[in-house]
Amino acid sequence: MFWEDLKAKSEWCYGSVSARTLLKTCLTDGTMAMLWYRLMQWAGRWKLFPLAMIFNKCNSIFCQCIIGRGANFGRRFVIIHSQGIVINGSVKAGDDVKLEHQVTIGAERNISPTLGSDIFIGAGAKIIGPVQIGSHSKIGANAVVVKNVESHTTVGGIPARVLRVHSESSAVKQEEANRVEVDTPYHQHQKGSAL
């Protein structure tokens, strides 16, 4: 699974999966956190819980990334930057989830969010409580999500609100994800538009 994660990150960050971009991807900060997570997930599957705990602590110490041992992400899980990521151990997610730094996916009253597939979560975003995030969604930078997000939707703000609904079922692209971070109300205010 890690090989798929690595290729997905290379494609996301550099637009290709060549030997050169794979090497560059291996040297980025989030890649080591992805490896520790997959090792922890593997150890948990084989009921090697002390080993899973060691991998979890290594991720926390060396990558500043805390992912609970029960968290389950599907194939092509990408951590773009690992610093400050906190994910509850009961979070369940599909394939093709991409996280920026400072993301929190946490429980409220012991109920954690559930994420679909093909989701981008921008830097500093918080997803808290019994929330469901639909597939092909984008969460803008610093958004605070406390309500469900429908599929093919971009949300942003505090609390998060719908910024755009996507009619097509195409995959989340890096250019669109970057645009989510720029189109927040703060940046619109800076451009002179009314809030």
N, C-alpha and C. Protein backbone atom coordinates (compact mmCIF):
# COMPACT_ATOMS: atom_id res chain seq x y z
N MET A 1 0.81 -1.19 0.00
CA MET A 1 0.00 0.00 0.00
C MET A 1 0.86 1.26 0.00
N PHE A 2 2.01 1.21 0.69
CA PHE A 2 2.84 2.40 0.77
C PHE A 2 3.33 2.82 -0.61
N TRP A 3 3.62 1.85 -1.47
CA TRP A 3 4.07 2.17 -2.82
C TRP A 3 3.01 2.98 -3.57
N GLU A 4 1.73 2.61 -3.42
CA GLU A 4 0.65 3.39 -4.04
C GLU A 4 0.57 4.78 -3.43
N ASP A 5 0.74 4.87 -2.11
CA ASP A 5 0.75 6.18 -1.44
C ASP A 5 1.86 7.06 -2.00
N LEU A 6 3.05 6.47 -2.14
CA LEU A 6 4.20 7.22 -2.64
C LEU A 6 3.97 7.72 -4.07
N LYS A 7 3.45 6.87 -4.93
CA LYS A 7 3.17 7.28 -6.31
C LYS A 7 2.09 8.36 -6.35
N ALA A 8 1.06 8.24 -5.51
CA ALA A 8 0.00 9.26 -5.47
C ALA A 8 0.56 10.60 -5.01
N LYS A 9 1.45 10.59 -4.03
CA LYS A 9 2.05 11.85 -3.56
C LYS A 9 2.94 12.46 -4.63
N SER A 10 3.70 11.63 -5.34
CA SER A 10 4.54 12.12 -6.42
C SER A 10 3.70 12.78 -7.51
N GLU A 11 2.61 12.13 -7.86
CA GLU A 11 1.70 12.68 -8.88
C GLU A 11 1.10 14.00 -8.40
N TRP A 12 0.69 14.07 -7.14
CA TRP A 12 0.07 15.27 -6.57
C TRP A 12 1.06 16.43 -6.50
N CYS A 13 2.26 16.14 -5.99
CA CYS A 13 3.24 17.21 -5.77
C CYS A 13 3.99 17.63 -7.02
N TYR A 14 4.31 16.68 -7.90
CA TYR A 14 5.19 16.97 -9.02
C TYR A 14 4.57 16.69 -10.38
N GLY A 15 3.36 16.16 -10.42
CA GLY A 15 2.67 15.96 -11.68
C GLY A 15 3.13 14.76 -12.49
N SER A 16 3.98 13.93 -11.91
CA SER A 16 4.42 12.73 -12.63
C SER A 16 4.91 11.68 -11.64
N VAL A 17 5.14 10.48 -12.17
CA VAL A 17 5.62 9.39 -11.35
C VAL A 17 6.90 8.83 -11.98
N SER A 18 7.88 9.68 -12.16
CA SER A 18 9.17 9.26 -12.72
C SER A 18 10.10 8.89 -11.57
N ALA A 19 11.22 8.29 -11.89
CA ALA A 19 12.20 7.93 -10.86
C ALA A 19 12.67 9.18 -10.11
N ARG A 20 12.88 10.26 -10.84
CA ARG A 20 13.33 11.52 -10.22
C ARG A 20 12.29 12.08 -9.25
N THR A 21 11.02 12.13 -9.66
CA THR A 21 9.99 12.69 -8.78
C THR A 21 9.71 11.75 -7.61
N LEU A 22 9.84 10.44 -7.80
CA LEU A 22 9.67 9.51 -6.68
C LEU A 22 10.77 9.72 -5.64
N LEU A 23 11.99 9.96 -6.10
CA LEU A 23 13.09 10.23 -5.17
C LEU A 23 12.84 11.53 -4.41
N LYS A 24 12.43 12.58 -5.13
CA LYS A 24 12.10 13.85 -4.47
C LYS A 24 10.99 13.66 -3.45
N THR A 25 10.00 12.85 -3.81
CA THR A 25 8.88 12.59 -2.91
C THR A 25 9.35 11.88 -1.65
N CYS A 26 10.28 10.94 -1.81
CA CYS A 26 10.81 10.22 -0.64
C CYS A 26 11.49 11.16 0.34
N LEU A 27 12.01 12.27 -0.13
CA LEU A 27 12.75 13.19 0.71
C LEU A 27 11.88 14.30 1.32
N THR A 28 10.58 14.32 1.02
CA THR A 28 9.71 15.33 1.61
C THR A 28 9.26 14.91 2.99
N ASP A 29 8.87 15.89 3.81
CA ASP A 29 8.57 15.61 5.21
C ASP A 29 7.37 14.69 5.43
N GLY A 30 6.33 14.82 4.68
CA GLY A 30 5.13 14.01 4.91
C GLY A 30 5.29 12.55 4.55
N THR A 31 6.27 12.23 3.72
CA THR A 31 6.43 10.86 3.27
C THR A 31 6.82 9.93 4.41
N MET A 32 7.67 10.37 5.29
CA MET A 32 8.06 9.53 6.42
C MET A 32 6.87 9.26 7.33
N ALA A 33 6.00 10.26 7.51
CA ALA A 33 4.79 10.07 8.32
C ALA A 33 3.87 9.04 7.67
N MET A 34 3.79 9.07 6.33
CA MET A 34 2.98 8.08 5.61
C MET A 34 3.53 6.67 5.85
N LEU A 35 4.85 6.54 5.83
CA LEU A 35 5.48 5.23 6.05
C LEU A 35 5.22 4.73 7.47
N TRP A 36 5.42 5.59 8.48
CA TRP A 36 5.16 5.18 9.86
C TRP A 36 3.71 4.76 10.02
N TYR A 37 2.79 5.51 9.41
CA TYR A 37 1.37 5.16 9.51
C TYR A 37 1.10 3.78 8.91
N ARG A 38 1.62 3.52 7.71
CA ARG A 38 1.38 2.22 7.06
C ARG A 38 2.02 1.09 7.86
N LEU A 39 3.20 1.31 8.45
CA LEU A 39 3.80 0.29 9.30
C LEU A 39 2.93 0.02 10.53
N MET A 40 2.40 1.09 11.13
CA MET A 40 1.50 0.95 12.28
C MET A 40 0.25 0.18 11.89
N GLN A 41 -0.31 0.50 10.73
CA GLN A 41 -1.51 -0.17 10.25
C GLN A 41 -1.22 -1.67 10.01
N TRP A 42 -0.08 -1.96 9.41
CA TRP A 42 0.31 -3.36 9.17
C TRP A 42 0.45 -4.12 10.48
N ALA A 43 1.15 -3.52 11.45
CA ALA A 43 1.36 -4.18 12.75
C ALA A 43 0.03 -4.42 13.46
N GLY A 44 -0.88 -3.47 13.36
CA GLY A 44 -2.20 -3.64 13.97
C GLY A 44 -2.99 -4.77 13.33
N ARG A 45 -2.88 -4.90 12.01
CA ARG A 45 -3.59 -5.98 11.31
C ARG A 45 -3.11 -7.36 11.77
N TRP A 46 -1.82 -7.45 12.05
CA TRP A 46 -1.23 -8.72 12.49
C TRP A 46 -1.25 -8.86 14.02
N LYS A 47 -1.97 -7.95 14.68
CA LYS A 47 -2.12 -7.96 16.14
C LYS A 47 -0.77 -7.88 16.87
N LEU A 48 0.16 -7.15 16.28
CA LEU A 48 1.45 -6.88 16.90
C LEU A 48 1.37 -5.50 17.58
N PHE A 49 0.55 -5.42 18.60
CA PHE A 49 0.20 -4.14 19.20
C PHE A 49 1.38 -3.38 19.80
N PRO A 50 2.34 -4.04 20.46
CA PRO A 50 3.50 -3.27 20.95
C PRO A 50 4.27 -2.62 19.79
N LEU A 51 4.40 -3.35 18.68
CA LEU A 51 5.09 -2.80 17.51
C LEU A 51 4.29 -1.64 16.91
N ALA A 52 2.98 -1.80 16.86
CA ALA A 52 2.12 -0.71 16.36
C ALA A 52 2.28 0.54 17.22
N MET A 53 2.39 0.35 18.52
CA MET A 53 2.57 1.48 19.42
C MET A 53 3.92 2.16 19.18
N ILE A 54 4.96 1.36 18.93
CA ILE A 54 6.28 1.93 18.65
C ILE A 54 6.25 2.75 17.36
N PHE A 55 5.61 2.22 16.30
CA PHE A 55 5.50 2.97 15.04
C PHE A 55 4.70 4.26 15.25
N ASN A 56 3.66 4.18 16.06
CA ASN A 56 2.84 5.36 16.36
C ASN A 56 3.69 6.43 17.06
N LYS A 57 4.48 6.02 18.03
CA LYS A 57 5.32 6.98 18.76
C LYS A 57 6.42 7.55 17.86
N CYS A 58 6.97 6.73 16.97
CA CYS A 58 7.99 7.23 16.03
C CYS A 58 7.39 8.31 15.13
N ASN A 59 6.15 8.09 14.68
CA ASN A 59 5.47 9.09 13.84
C ASN A 59 5.30 10.39 14.61
N SER A 60 4.93 10.27 15.86
CA SER A 60 4.72 11.46 16.70
C SER A 60 6.03 12.19 16.97
N ILE A 61 7.08 11.45 17.32
CA ILE A 61 8.36 12.06 17.69
C ILE A 61 9.10 12.63 16.48
N PHE A 62 9.23 11.84 15.43
CA PHE A 62 10.06 12.24 14.29
C PHE A 62 9.32 13.09 13.26
N CYS A 63 8.00 12.97 13.18
CA CYS A 63 7.25 13.67 12.13
C CYS A 63 6.23 14.67 12.67
N GLN A 64 6.10 14.77 14.00
CA GLN A 64 5.09 15.65 14.62
C GLN A 64 3.69 15.37 14.06
N CYS A 65 3.39 14.10 13.87
CA CYS A 65 2.13 13.67 13.27
C CYS A 65 1.52 12.60 14.17
N ILE A 66 0.33 12.87 14.70
CA ILE A 66 -0.31 11.92 15.60
C ILE A 66 -1.52 11.32 14.90
N ILE A 67 -1.42 10.04 14.61
CA ILE A 67 -2.53 9.31 14.01
C ILE A 67 -2.84 8.14 14.93
N GLY A 68 -4.06 8.12 15.47
CA GLY A 68 -4.45 7.06 16.38
C GLY A 68 -4.31 5.68 15.74
N ARG A 69 -3.99 4.70 16.57
CA ARG A 69 -3.69 3.36 16.05
C ARG A 69 -4.86 2.70 15.35
N GLY A 70 -6.08 3.07 15.64
CA GLY A 70 -7.23 2.45 14.98
C GLY A 70 -7.69 3.18 13.73
N ALA A 71 -7.09 4.32 13.43
CA ALA A 71 -7.49 5.10 12.24
C ALA A 71 -7.26 4.26 10.99
N ASN A 72 -8.21 4.32 10.08
CA ASN A 72 -8.13 3.49 8.89
C ASN A 72 -8.33 4.33 7.63
N PHE A 73 -7.27 4.50 6.87
CA PHE A 73 -7.32 5.21 5.59
C PHE A 73 -7.10 4.20 4.48
N GLY A 74 -7.79 4.39 3.38
CA GLY A 74 -7.68 3.48 2.24
C GLY A 74 -6.41 3.70 1.45
N ARG A 75 -6.45 3.24 0.22
CA ARG A 75 -5.29 3.32 -0.67
C ARG A 75 -4.99 4.76 -1.07
N ARG A 76 -3.74 5.00 -1.44
CA ARG A 76 -3.27 6.30 -1.94
C ARG A 76 -3.52 7.43 -0.92
N PHE A 77 -3.18 7.16 0.33
CA PHE A 77 -3.28 8.15 1.41
C PHE A 77 -2.06 9.05 1.33
N VAL A 78 -2.27 10.37 1.21
CA VAL A 78 -1.16 11.31 1.02
C VAL A 78 -1.15 12.34 2.15
N ILE A 79 0.00 12.43 2.81
CA ILE A 79 0.24 13.50 3.77
C ILE A 79 1.25 14.43 3.10
N ILE A 80 0.80 15.61 2.72
CA ILE A 80 1.65 16.53 1.98
C ILE A 80 2.72 17.11 2.92
N HIS A 81 2.31 17.61 4.06
CA HIS A 81 3.23 18.05 5.12
C HIS A 81 2.69 17.46 6.42
N SER A 82 3.56 16.88 7.23
CA SER A 82 3.08 16.12 8.39
C SER A 82 2.95 16.92 9.68
N GLN A 83 3.59 18.06 9.79
CA GLN A 83 3.64 18.76 11.06
C GLN A 83 2.25 19.15 11.55
N GLY A 84 1.98 18.78 12.80
CA GLY A 84 0.77 19.22 13.46
C GLY A 84 -0.49 18.45 13.11
N ILE A 85 -0.40 17.37 12.38
CA ILE A 85 -1.60 16.58 12.05
C ILE A 85 -1.98 15.75 13.27
N VAL A 86 -3.29 15.78 13.61
CA VAL A 86 -3.82 14.98 14.71
C VAL A 86 -5.08 14.29 14.20
N ILE A 87 -5.07 12.95 14.25
CA ILE A 87 -6.21 12.16 13.76
C ILE A 87 -6.61 11.16 14.83
N ASN A 88 -7.87 11.17 15.20
CA ASN A 88 -8.40 10.26 16.21
C ASN A 88 -8.30 8.82 15.73
N GLY A 89 -8.15 7.90 16.65
CA GLY A 89 -7.98 6.49 16.32
C GLY A 89 -9.21 5.80 15.77
N SER A 90 -10.37 6.43 15.83
CA SER A 90 -11.57 5.77 15.29
C SER A 90 -12.04 6.37 13.97
N VAL A 91 -11.20 7.19 13.35
CA VAL A 91 -11.54 7.79 12.06
C VAL A 91 -11.45 6.73 10.96
N LYS A 92 -12.45 6.71 10.09
CA LYS A 92 -12.47 5.80 8.93
C LYS A 92 -12.54 6.65 7.68
N ALA A 93 -11.73 6.29 6.67
CA ALA A 93 -11.69 7.07 5.43
C ALA A 93 -11.49 6.14 4.24
N GLY A 94 -11.92 6.60 3.09
CA GLY A 94 -11.78 5.85 1.85
C GLY A 94 -10.42 6.05 1.21
N ASP A 95 -10.39 5.86 -0.10
CA ASP A 95 -9.16 5.99 -0.88
C ASP A 95 -8.92 7.44 -1.28
N ASP A 96 -7.68 7.76 -1.65
CA ASP A 96 -7.30 9.04 -2.24
C ASP A 96 -7.59 10.24 -1.33
N VAL A 97 -7.25 10.12 -0.06
CA VAL A 97 -7.39 11.24 0.88
C VAL A 97 -6.04 11.95 0.95
N LYS A 98 -6.09 13.29 0.83
CA LYS A 98 -4.87 14.11 0.86
C LYS A 98 -4.99 15.14 1.98
N LEU A 99 -3.95 15.21 2.83
CA LEU A 99 -3.95 16.10 3.98
C LEU A 99 -2.80 17.08 3.92
N GLU A 100 -3.07 18.32 4.25
CA GLU A 100 -2.03 19.32 4.45
C GLU A 100 -1.66 19.33 5.93
N HIS A 101 -0.74 20.20 6.33
CA HIS A 101 -0.29 20.29 7.71
C HIS A 101 -1.35 20.91 8.62
N GLN A 102 -1.21 20.67 9.92
CA GLN A 102 -2.05 21.23 10.96
C GLN A 102 -3.52 20.79 10.87
N VAL A 103 -3.80 19.69 10.22
CA VAL A 103 -5.17 19.18 10.10
C VAL A 103 -5.52 18.39 11.36
N THR A 104 -6.73 18.62 11.87
CA THR A 104 -7.24 17.84 13.00
C THR A 104 -8.53 17.14 12.56
N ILE A 105 -8.57 15.84 12.76
CA ILE A 105 -9.79 15.07 12.52
C ILE A 105 -10.07 14.36 13.84
N GLY A 106 -11.00 14.93 14.61
CA GLY A 106 -11.16 14.48 15.98
C GLY A 106 -12.56 14.10 16.37
N ALA A 107 -12.65 13.40 17.50
CA ALA A 107 -13.92 12.90 18.02
C ALA A 107 -14.60 13.94 18.89
N GLU A 108 -15.89 13.80 18.99
CA GLU A 108 -16.70 14.54 19.95
C GLU A 108 -17.63 13.52 20.59
N ARG A 109 -17.56 13.41 21.91
CA ARG A 109 -18.33 12.39 22.63
C ARG A 109 -18.06 10.99 22.08
N ASN A 110 -16.81 10.70 21.82
CA ASN A 110 -16.34 9.40 21.34
C ASN A 110 -16.86 9.01 19.96
N ILE A 111 -17.33 9.95 19.17
CA ILE A 111 -17.76 9.67 17.80
C ILE A 111 -16.89 10.48 16.86
N SER A 112 -16.23 9.78 15.94
CA SER A 112 -15.29 10.42 15.02
C SER A 112 -15.88 10.61 13.64
N PRO A 113 -15.30 11.51 12.85
CA PRO A 113 -15.75 11.70 11.47
C PRO A 113 -15.50 10.47 10.59
N THR A 114 -16.29 10.37 9.54
CA THR A 114 -16.11 9.35 8.50
C THR A 114 -15.89 10.09 7.20
N LEU A 115 -14.84 9.74 6.49
CA LEU A 115 -14.49 10.42 5.24
C LEU A 115 -14.68 9.47 4.07
N GLY A 116 -15.20 9.99 2.98
CA GLY A 116 -15.34 9.21 1.75
C GLY A 116 -14.01 9.12 1.03
N SER A 117 -14.08 8.95 -0.28
CA SER A 117 -12.88 8.84 -1.11
C SER A 117 -12.65 10.12 -1.90
N ASP A 118 -11.41 10.33 -2.32
CA ASP A 118 -11.02 11.47 -3.15
C ASP A 118 -11.35 12.79 -2.45
N ILE A 119 -10.70 13.00 -1.32
CA ILE A 119 -10.94 14.18 -0.50
C ILE A 119 -9.63 14.93 -0.28
N PHE A 120 -9.69 16.25 -0.39
CA PHE A 120 -8.56 17.12 -0.06
C PHE A 120 -8.92 17.92 1.18
N ILE A 121 -8.01 17.95 2.16
CA ILE A 121 -8.24 18.73 3.38
C ILE A 121 -7.09 19.72 3.51
N GLY A 122 -7.42 21.01 3.42
CA GLY A 122 -6.43 22.08 3.42
C GLY A 122 -5.78 22.31 4.77
N ALA A 123 -4.70 23.07 4.75
CA ALA A 123 -3.90 23.34 5.95
C ALA A 123 -4.74 23.95 7.06
N GLY A 124 -4.58 23.41 8.26
CA GLY A 124 -5.24 23.96 9.43
C GLY A 124 -6.71 23.63 9.58
N ALA A 125 -7.27 22.83 8.69
CA ALA A 125 -8.69 22.50 8.77
C ALA A 125 -8.96 21.59 9.96
N LYS A 126 -10.14 21.74 10.54
CA LYS A 126 -10.57 20.93 11.68
C LYS A 126 -11.89 20.27 11.32
N ILE A 127 -11.95 18.96 11.49
CA ILE A 127 -13.19 18.20 11.26
C ILE A 127 -13.47 17.49 12.57
N ILE A 128 -14.55 17.87 13.21
CA ILE A 128 -14.80 17.43 14.59
C ILE A 128 -16.16 16.78 14.72
N GLY A 129 -16.21 15.65 15.40
CA GLY A 129 -17.46 15.03 15.79
C GLY A 129 -18.04 14.04 14.79
N PRO A 130 -19.32 13.71 14.95
CA PRO A 130 -19.98 12.70 14.12
C PRO A 130 -20.33 13.24 12.74
N VAL A 131 -19.31 13.62 12.00
CA VAL A 131 -19.48 14.27 10.70
C VAL A 131 -19.16 13.28 9.59
N GLN A 132 -19.91 13.36 8.51
CA GLN A 132 -19.59 12.56 7.32
C GLN A 132 -19.18 13.50 6.20
N ILE A 133 -18.01 13.21 5.62
CA ILE A 133 -17.51 14.00 4.50
C ILE A 133 -17.68 13.16 3.25
N GLY A 134 -18.50 13.66 2.31
CA GLY A 134 -18.78 12.92 1.08
C GLY A 134 -17.57 12.85 0.16
N SER A 135 -17.59 11.87 -0.73
CA SER A 135 -16.50 11.69 -1.69
C SER A 135 -16.39 12.88 -2.63
N HIS A 136 -15.19 13.08 -3.17
CA HIS A 136 -14.88 14.15 -4.13
C HIS A 136 -15.12 15.53 -3.52
N SER A 137 -14.81 15.68 -2.23
CA SER A 137 -15.01 16.95 -1.54
C SER A 137 -13.68 17.61 -1.23
N LYS A 138 -13.74 18.92 -0.99
CA LYS A 138 -12.56 19.70 -0.61
C LYS A 138 -12.90 20.52 0.61
N ILE A 139 -12.02 20.48 1.58
CA ILE A 139 -12.16 21.27 2.80
C ILE A 139 -11.09 22.35 2.74
N GLY A 140 -11.51 23.61 2.75
CA GLY A 140 -10.58 24.72 2.62
C GLY A 140 -9.69 24.89 3.84
N ALA A 141 -8.61 25.63 3.65
CA ALA A 141 -7.66 25.89 4.73
C ALA A 141 -8.36 26.57 5.90
N ASN A 142 -8.05 26.12 7.09
CA ASN A 142 -8.56 26.66 8.36
C ASN A 142 -10.07 26.53 8.53
N ALA A 143 -10.73 25.74 7.72
CA ALA A 143 -12.16 25.52 7.90
C ALA A 143 -12.41 24.71 9.16
N VAL A 144 -13.54 24.95 9.79
CA VAL A 144 -13.95 24.17 10.95
C VAL A 144 -15.26 23.48 10.56
N VAL A 145 -15.18 22.18 10.34
CA VAL A 145 -16.32 21.40 9.87
C VAL A 145 -16.96 20.69 11.05
N VAL A 146 -18.22 21.03 11.33
CA VAL A 146 -18.97 20.40 12.41
C VAL A 146 -20.30 19.82 11.92
N LYS A 147 -20.55 19.95 10.61
CA LYS A 147 -21.76 19.38 9.99
C LYS A 147 -21.34 18.57 8.77
N ASN A 148 -22.22 17.67 8.34
CA ASN A 148 -21.94 16.82 7.18
C ASN A 148 -21.63 17.65 5.94
N VAL A 149 -20.77 17.11 5.09
CA VAL A 149 -20.42 17.73 3.81
C VAL A 149 -20.84 16.75 2.72
N GLU A 150 -21.69 17.22 1.81
CA GLU A 150 -22.16 16.37 0.72
C GLU A 150 -21.03 16.07 -0.27
N SER A 151 -21.20 15.02 -1.04
CA SER A 151 -20.22 14.69 -2.10
C SER A 151 -20.15 15.82 -3.11
N HIS A 152 -19.00 15.95 -3.76
CA HIS A 152 -18.76 16.95 -4.82
C HIS A 152 -18.97 18.37 -4.31
N THR A 153 -18.52 18.64 -3.09
CA THR A 153 -18.73 19.95 -2.48
C THR A 153 -17.41 20.50 -1.95
N THR A 154 -17.24 21.81 -2.08
CA THR A 154 -16.12 22.51 -1.47
C THR A 154 -16.68 23.35 -0.33
N VAL A 155 -16.06 23.22 0.86
CA VAL A 155 -16.50 24.01 2.01
C VAL A 155 -15.32 24.79 2.56
N GLY A 156 -15.60 25.88 3.25
CA GLY A 156 -14.58 26.69 3.88
C GLY A 156 -15.19 27.61 4.90
N GLY A 157 -14.37 28.17 5.74
CA GLY A 157 -14.85 29.14 6.74
C GLY A 157 -15.01 28.54 8.11
N ILE A 158 -15.38 29.43 9.06
CA ILE A 158 -15.60 29.04 10.45
C ILE A 158 -16.96 29.56 10.88
N PRO A 159 -17.94 28.72 11.10
CA PRO A 159 -17.97 27.29 10.77
C PRO A 159 -18.03 27.12 9.25
N ALA A 160 -17.66 25.94 8.79
CA ALA A 160 -17.59 25.68 7.35
C ALA A 160 -18.96 25.82 6.70
N ARG A 161 -18.96 26.43 5.52
CA ARG A 161 -20.18 26.55 4.72
C ARG A 161 -19.83 26.20 3.29
N VAL A 162 -20.83 25.90 2.51
CA VAL A 162 -20.61 25.48 1.13
C VAL A 162 -20.12 26.67 0.31
N LEU A 163 -18.99 26.47 -0.37
CA LEU A 163 -18.45 27.49 -1.27
C LEU A 163 -18.75 27.17 -2.72
N ARG A 164 -18.80 25.87 -3.02
CA ARG A 164 -19.06 25.45 -4.40
C ARG A 164 -19.56 24.01 -4.41
N VAL A 165 -20.48 23.73 -5.32
CA VAL A 165 -20.93 22.37 -5.56
C VAL A 165 -20.45 21.99 -6.95
N HIS A 166 -19.77 20.84 -7.05
CA HIS A 166 -19.21 20.38 -8.31
C HIS A 166 -20.18 19.41 -8.96
N SER A 167 -20.52 19.65 -10.20
CA SER A 167 -21.48 18.77 -10.87
C SER A 167 -20.83 17.53 -11.44
N GLU A 168 -19.58 17.62 -11.83
CA GLU A 168 -18.92 16.45 -12.42
C GLU A 168 -18.29 15.60 -11.33
N SER A 169 -18.02 14.37 -11.66
CA SER A 169 -17.45 13.44 -10.69
C SER A 169 -15.95 13.27 -10.90
N SER A 170 -15.28 14.30 -11.40
CA SER A 170 -13.85 14.20 -11.65
C SER A 170 -13.09 14.24 -10.33
N ALA A 171 -11.88 13.74 -10.37
CA ALA A 171 -11.04 13.69 -9.18
C ALA A 171 -10.62 15.09 -8.76
N VAL A 172 -10.34 15.24 -7.47
CA VAL A 172 -9.86 16.51 -6.95
C VAL A 172 -8.48 16.75 -7.53
N LYS A 173 -8.29 17.91 -8.15
CA LYS A 173 -7.02 18.27 -8.77
C LYS A 173 -6.27 19.24 -7.87
N GLN A 174 -4.95 19.26 -7.96
CA GLN A 174 -4.15 20.12 -7.11
C GLN A 174 -4.47 21.59 -7.35
N GLU A 175 -4.66 21.99 -8.62
CA GLU A 175 -4.93 23.40 -8.91
C GLU A 175 -6.24 23.84 -8.23
N GLU A 176 -7.25 22.96 -8.25
CA GLU A 176 -8.52 23.30 -7.61
C GLU A 176 -8.36 23.37 -6.10
N ALA A 177 -7.58 22.47 -5.53
CA ALA A 177 -7.37 22.47 -4.09
C ALA A 177 -6.65 23.74 -3.67
N ASN A 178 -5.68 24.18 -4.44
CA ASN A 178 -4.99 25.44 -4.12
C ASN A 178 -5.94 26.61 -4.21
N ARG A 179 -6.87 26.59 -5.16
CA ARG A 179 -7.83 27.66 -5.31
C ARG A 179 -8.76 27.74 -4.11
N VAL A 180 -9.07 26.60 -3.47
CA VAL A 180 -9.91 26.59 -2.28
C VAL A 180 -9.27 27.43 -1.19
N GLU A 181 -7.96 27.31 -1.03
CA GLU A 181 -7.27 28.05 0.01
C GLU A 181 -7.26 29.55 -0.27
N VAL A 182 -7.32 29.96 -1.52
CA VAL A 182 -7.29 31.37 -1.86
C VAL A 182 -8.68 32.00 -1.80
N ASP A 183 -9.72 31.21 -2.05
CA ASP A 183 -11.07 31.75 -2.14
C ASP A 183 -11.80 31.78 -0.80
N THR A 184 -11.10 31.89 0.31
CA THR A 184 -11.76 31.97 1.60
C THR A 184 -12.25 33.40 1.82
N PRO A 185 -13.22 33.61 2.72
CA PRO A 185 -13.75 34.96 2.96
C PRO A 185 -12.68 35.97 3.34
N TYR A 186 -11.65 35.56 4.08
CA TYR A 186 -10.60 36.48 4.46
C TYR A 186 -9.92 37.06 3.22
N HIS A 187 -9.57 36.19 2.26
CA HIS A 187 -8.91 36.66 1.05
C HIS A 187 -9.86 37.49 0.19
N GLN A 188 -11.14 37.15 0.18
CA GLN A 188 -12.10 37.96 -0.58
C GLN A 188 -12.18 39.35 0.02
N HIS A 189 -12.14 39.45 1.34
CA HIS A 189 -12.18 40.74 2.02
C HIS A 189 -10.92 41.52 1.67
N GLN A 190 -9.78 40.87 1.62
CA GLN A 190 -8.55 41.54 1.28
C GLN A 190 -8.59 42.10 -0.14
N LYS A 191 -9.34 41.42 -1.03
CA LYS A 191 -9.47 41.90 -2.41
C LYS A 191 -10.46 43.05 -2.52
N GLY A 192 -11.19 43.32 -1.44
CA GLY A 192 -12.11 44.45 -1.46
C GLY A 192 -13.57 44.07 -1.61
N SER A 193 -13.88 42.80 -1.71
CA SER A 193 -15.29 42.42 -1.84
C SER A 193 -15.95 42.39 -0.47
N ALA A 194 -17.24 42.54 -0.46
CA ALA A 194 -17.98 42.51 0.79
C ALA A 194 -18.10 41.09 1.31
N LEU A 195 -18.11 40.96 2.64
CA LEU A 195 -18.26 39.63 3.23
C LEU A 195 -19.68 39.19 3.24
